[in-house]
Amino acid sequence: MSKLKKVVFTVADVATEERLIREYVASAFERLEARDDAQWPVFNRYGQDPSVSHGEVVFYLVGDTEALIRDERSRWDDLVDNGLVDEWELVDPNVDVTELDDRQRLQFRLRYAASRMSLACLDTFDPLPDALDEFEDEDYAVGWGSCLHHLINQLGYQGNGGEEEIDLLFQSLVGRLYATNVSAGPETTLDKIGSLKAELDELAEQLQEQAETR
C-alpha cells in the first residue's frame, strides 16, 4: 500500500519559502527520487494566499511514508533549530495512492512534474526572473512568462495554429479567477475581470489596425 502524508512547514514569509525550497526541498527531492520506496514528491507554496499571514510550504510524501518520515524527521527538526522554519506539522489525508482514479492519478503526476520543473528553474536562476517582464522599455516582454511559452512549445501544446496554447492559458486563467474569488472575494475578482476585458478590447483594436496596415 502506497500512502500519502503532508509535511506543513510554517516559515516567516514568502522570501523564506523560497529559501526553504532551495536549502531543503531541492535536496530532499534528490533523496526521495533515489529511493525505491518513494514516488512523486510534490511541494506547494501558500504564503501569497491572502488568507495566510505567514509563509507556508507543504511537502507531500508518497510511498512507504513511515520509512520516509523516519529518515527525514531529524532534518525537519534541524530546520527549526536553525531558525529557517518556525514549526512543522505532519498531516495524514488518509489517502491510499493505489486507490486513486485515473483523473486523480494524472493530477498528482502533473503536480510532481511541475515541482521538478520549478526546482530546475530555481537551480538555473538566483534570483528568479520577474514574472512578466524584466525589460519594460523593449519591443517584447521577456520574463518567466517566456519560459512558460517555450515550455508549451517544447511539449507540443500549440495545435491549431497556436489556438491550443491560447485555450490552455485561458483555462488556467479561469481556474485562477475562481480561486481568487474564494481567497480575495468577488469584488476583487470582478474588478480584475473588468480590467482584462478592457485590455482585450484594446488589443482587438491594435490587432485590427495591424491587419489593415499590411
Protein backbone atom coordinates (compact mmCIF):
# COMPACT_ATOMS: atom_id res chain seq x y z
CA MET A 1 0.00 0.00 0.00
CA SER A 2 1.38 3.40 -1.02
CA LYS A 3 0.36 6.12 1.42
CA LEU A 4 0.35 9.90 1.25
CA LYS A 5 1.47 12.25 4.02
CA LYS A 6 1.86 16.03 4.07
CA VAL A 7 4.55 17.94 5.93
CA VAL A 8 3.43 21.54 6.53
CA PHE A 9 6.33 23.92 7.14
CA THR A 10 5.44 27.29 8.67
CA VAL A 11 8.01 29.99 7.87
CA ALA A 12 8.24 33.75 8.32
CA ASP A 13 7.26 34.98 4.86
CA VAL A 14 7.27 34.38 1.11
CA ALA A 15 11.02 35.03 0.80
CA THR A 16 11.70 32.37 3.42
CA GLU A 17 9.54 29.92 1.48
CA GLU A 18 11.94 30.19 -1.44
CA ARG A 19 14.92 29.81 0.85
CA LEU A 20 13.42 26.64 2.36
CA ILE A 21 12.83 25.20 -1.09
CA ARG A 22 16.39 25.97 -2.17
CA GLU A 23 18.03 24.75 1.04
CA TYR A 24 15.87 21.72 1.92
CA VAL A 25 13.22 20.73 -0.64
CA ALA A 26 15.66 20.53 -3.57
CA SER A 27 17.97 18.09 -1.77
CA ALA A 28 15.01 16.15 -0.35
CA PHE A 29 13.75 15.61 -3.90
CA GLU A 30 17.09 14.07 -4.86
CA ARG A 31 16.99 11.74 -1.88
CA LEU A 32 13.39 10.67 -2.47
CA GLU A 33 13.81 10.14 -6.21
CA ALA A 34 16.78 7.87 -5.50
CA ARG A 35 14.66 5.61 -3.26
CA ASP A 36 12.64 2.58 -4.32
CA ASP A 37 10.04 3.16 -1.60
CA ALA A 38 9.13 6.74 -2.65
CA GLN A 39 7.42 8.28 -5.64
CA TRP A 40 6.03 11.60 -6.90
CA PRO A 41 7.33 14.10 -4.31
CA VAL A 42 5.40 17.36 -4.62
CA PHE A 43 5.56 20.75 -2.96
CA ASN A 44 3.35 23.84 -2.94
CA ARG A 45 3.69 27.35 -1.52
CA TYR A 46 0.88 29.29 0.17
CA GLY A 47 2.44 32.48 1.53
CA GLN A 48 0.89 34.63 -1.22
CA ASP A 49 -2.63 33.47 -0.32
CA PRO A 50 -4.45 36.44 1.29
CA SER A 51 -5.84 34.11 3.97
CA VAL A 52 -2.33 33.12 5.13
CA SER A 53 -0.48 35.57 7.40
CA HIS A 54 2.89 33.81 7.17
CA GLY A 55 4.90 31.73 4.74
CA GLU A 56 3.93 28.11 4.24
CA VAL A 57 5.39 25.24 2.23
CA VAL A 58 3.57 21.92 2.02
CA PHE A 59 5.71 18.93 1.09
CA TYR A 60 3.96 15.73 0.01
CA LEU A 61 5.47 12.32 0.72
CA VAL A 62 4.21 9.32 -1.26
CA GLY A 63 5.24 5.71 -0.74
CA ASP A 64 6.40 3.99 2.43
CA THR A 65 5.69 7.13 4.43
CA GLU A 66 6.73 5.63 7.78
CA ALA A 67 10.22 4.97 6.43
CA LEU A 68 10.40 8.34 4.67
CA ILE A 69 9.35 10.24 7.79
CA ARG A 70 11.79 8.29 9.95
CA ASP A 71 14.68 9.23 7.64
CA GLU A 72 13.71 12.90 7.14
CA ARG A 73 12.38 13.87 10.58
CA SER A 74 15.76 14.87 12.04
CA ARG A 75 16.30 17.25 9.12
CA TRP A 76 12.93 18.92 9.83
CA ASP A 77 13.94 19.37 13.47
CA ASP A 78 17.25 20.87 12.33
CA LEU A 79 15.36 23.39 10.17
CA VAL A 80 13.54 24.57 13.28
CA ASP A 81 16.69 24.61 15.41
CA ASN A 82 18.48 26.68 12.73
CA GLY A 83 15.64 29.21 12.60
CA LEU A 84 14.68 28.64 8.96
CA VAL A 85 11.35 27.03 9.89
CA ASP A 86 9.07 28.21 12.71
CA GLU A 87 7.41 24.82 13.06
CA TRP A 88 6.46 21.74 11.07
CA GLU A 89 3.41 19.51 11.26
CA LEU A 90 2.58 16.11 9.82
CA VAL A 91 -0.88 15.81 8.27
CA ASP A 92 -2.43 12.50 7.24
CA PRO A 93 -5.04 12.96 4.46
CA ASN A 94 -5.85 9.24 4.82
CA VAL A 95 -5.20 8.58 1.13
CA ASP A 96 -4.10 5.28 -0.39
CA VAL A 97 -2.39 6.30 -3.63
CA THR A 98 -3.08 2.91 -5.21
CA GLU A 99 -6.81 3.68 -4.98
CA LEU A 100 -6.65 6.97 -6.89
CA ASP A 101 -8.74 7.01 -10.08
CA ASP A 102 -7.17 7.94 -13.42
CA ARG A 103 -8.04 11.64 -13.09
CA GLN A 104 -6.64 11.93 -9.56
CA ARG A 105 -3.53 9.99 -10.52
CA LEU A 106 -2.86 12.22 -13.54
CA GLN A 107 -3.38 15.35 -11.43
CA PHE A 108 -0.82 14.20 -8.87
CA ARG A 109 1.71 13.20 -11.54
CA LEU A 110 1.32 16.61 -13.18
CA ARG A 111 1.98 18.29 -9.83
CA TYR A 112 5.10 16.15 -9.46
CA ALA A 113 6.27 17.21 -12.92
CA ALA A 114 5.58 20.86 -12.07
CA SER A 115 7.60 20.53 -8.86
CA ARG A 116 10.57 19.14 -10.78
CA MET A 117 10.34 21.95 -13.34
CA SER A 118 10.20 24.55 -10.55
CA LEU A 119 13.32 23.12 -8.94
CA ALA A 120 15.09 23.26 -12.32
CA CYS A 121 14.19 26.97 -12.62
CA LEU A 122 15.42 27.66 -9.09
CA ASP A 123 18.64 25.85 -9.91
CA THR A 124 19.07 27.99 -13.05
CA PHE A 125 18.12 31.40 -11.62
CA ASP A 126 19.01 33.15 -8.38
CA PRO A 127 17.15 35.42 -8.08
CA LEU A 128 14.24 34.26 -10.18
CA PRO A 129 13.36 36.47 -13.17
CA ASP A 130 10.31 38.73 -12.96
CA ALA A 131 7.03 37.01 -13.77
CA LEU A 132 6.05 39.31 -16.63
CA ASP A 133 8.89 41.43 -17.97
CA GLU A 134 12.45 42.17 -16.99
CA PHE A 135 12.87 44.82 -19.74
CA GLU A 136 9.76 47.03 -19.86
CA ASP A 137 11.18 49.50 -22.39
CA GLU A 138 11.90 46.91 -25.09
CA ASP A 139 9.71 45.80 -28.01
CA TYR A 140 8.66 42.47 -26.49
CA ALA A 141 8.33 41.07 -23.00
CA VAL A 142 11.00 38.77 -21.54
CA GLY A 143 10.16 37.34 -18.12
CA TRP A 144 9.23 33.99 -16.64
CA GLY A 145 6.20 34.03 -18.95
CA SER A 146 8.70 33.46 -21.76
CA CYS A 147 9.74 30.22 -20.07
CA LEU A 148 6.11 29.12 -19.86
CA HIS A 149 5.58 29.89 -23.56
CA HIS A 150 8.64 27.87 -24.61
CA LEU A 151 7.69 25.01 -22.30
CA ILE A 152 4.29 24.87 -24.01
CA ASN A 153 6.04 24.89 -27.40
CA GLN A 154 8.57 22.20 -26.48
CA LEU A 155 5.83 19.89 -25.23
CA GLY A 156 3.83 20.38 -28.44
CA TYR A 157 0.79 22.13 -26.98
CA GLN A 158 0.39 24.64 -29.83
CA GLY A 159 -2.09 22.82 -32.06
CA ASN A 160 -4.48 24.53 -34.46
CA GLY A 161 -2.01 27.24 -35.33
CA GLY A 162 -1.41 28.16 -31.70
CA GLU A 163 -5.05 28.12 -30.58
CA GLU A 164 -4.34 25.22 -28.23
CA GLU A 165 -1.90 27.41 -26.29
CA ILE A 166 -4.47 30.19 -26.03
CA ASP A 167 -7.15 27.75 -24.82
CA LEU A 168 -4.72 26.21 -22.33
CA LEU A 169 -3.78 29.58 -20.86
CA PHE A 170 -7.42 30.70 -20.77
CA GLN A 171 -8.43 27.55 -18.88
CA SER A 172 -5.67 28.29 -16.37
CA LEU A 173 -6.87 31.90 -16.10
CA VAL A 174 -10.43 30.77 -15.36
CA GLY A 175 -9.17 28.45 -12.62
CA ARG A 176 -7.12 31.26 -11.09
CA LEU A 177 -10.13 33.62 -11.11
CA TYR A 178 -12.30 31.01 -9.36
CA ALA A 179 -9.57 30.61 -6.71
CA THR A 180 -9.23 34.39 -6.33
CA ASN A 181 -12.99 34.67 -5.89
CA VAL A 182 -12.66 32.41 -2.85
CA SER A 183 -9.47 33.86 -1.37
CA ALA A 184 -9.89 37.59 -2.10
CA GLY A 185 -13.64 37.92 -2.67
CA PRO A 186 -15.90 38.68 -5.64
CA GLU A 187 -15.21 42.43 -5.68
CA THR A 188 -11.51 41.91 -6.34
CA THR A 189 -12.21 39.17 -8.87
CA LEU A 190 -14.81 41.17 -10.81
CA ASP A 191 -12.51 44.22 -10.88
CA LYS A 192 -9.78 42.04 -12.40
CA ILE A 193 -12.19 40.61 -14.97
CA GLY A 194 -13.23 44.15 -15.90
CA SER A 195 -9.64 45.24 -16.43
CA LEU A 196 -8.95 42.12 -18.52
CA LYS A 197 -11.96 42.90 -20.72
CA ALA A 198 -10.68 46.44 -21.26
CA GLU A 199 -7.21 45.17 -22.18
CA LEU A 200 -8.68 42.63 -24.62
CA ASP A 201 -10.83 45.32 -26.27
CA GLU A 202 -7.73 47.50 -26.67
CA LEU A 203 -5.79 44.54 -28.05
CA ALA A 204 -8.54 43.80 -30.57
CA GLU A 205 -8.28 47.37 -31.87
CA GLN A 206 -4.49 47.14 -32.11
CA LEU A 207 -4.65 43.84 -33.99
CA GLN A 208 -7.26 45.24 -36.37
CA GLU A 209 -5.07 48.26 -37.08
CA GLN A 210 -2.09 45.98 -37.62
CA ALA A 211 -4.06 43.87 -40.12
CA GLU A 212 -5.17 46.96 -42.03
CA THR A 213 -1.61 48.27 -42.45
CA ARG A 214 -0.30 45.08 -44.02
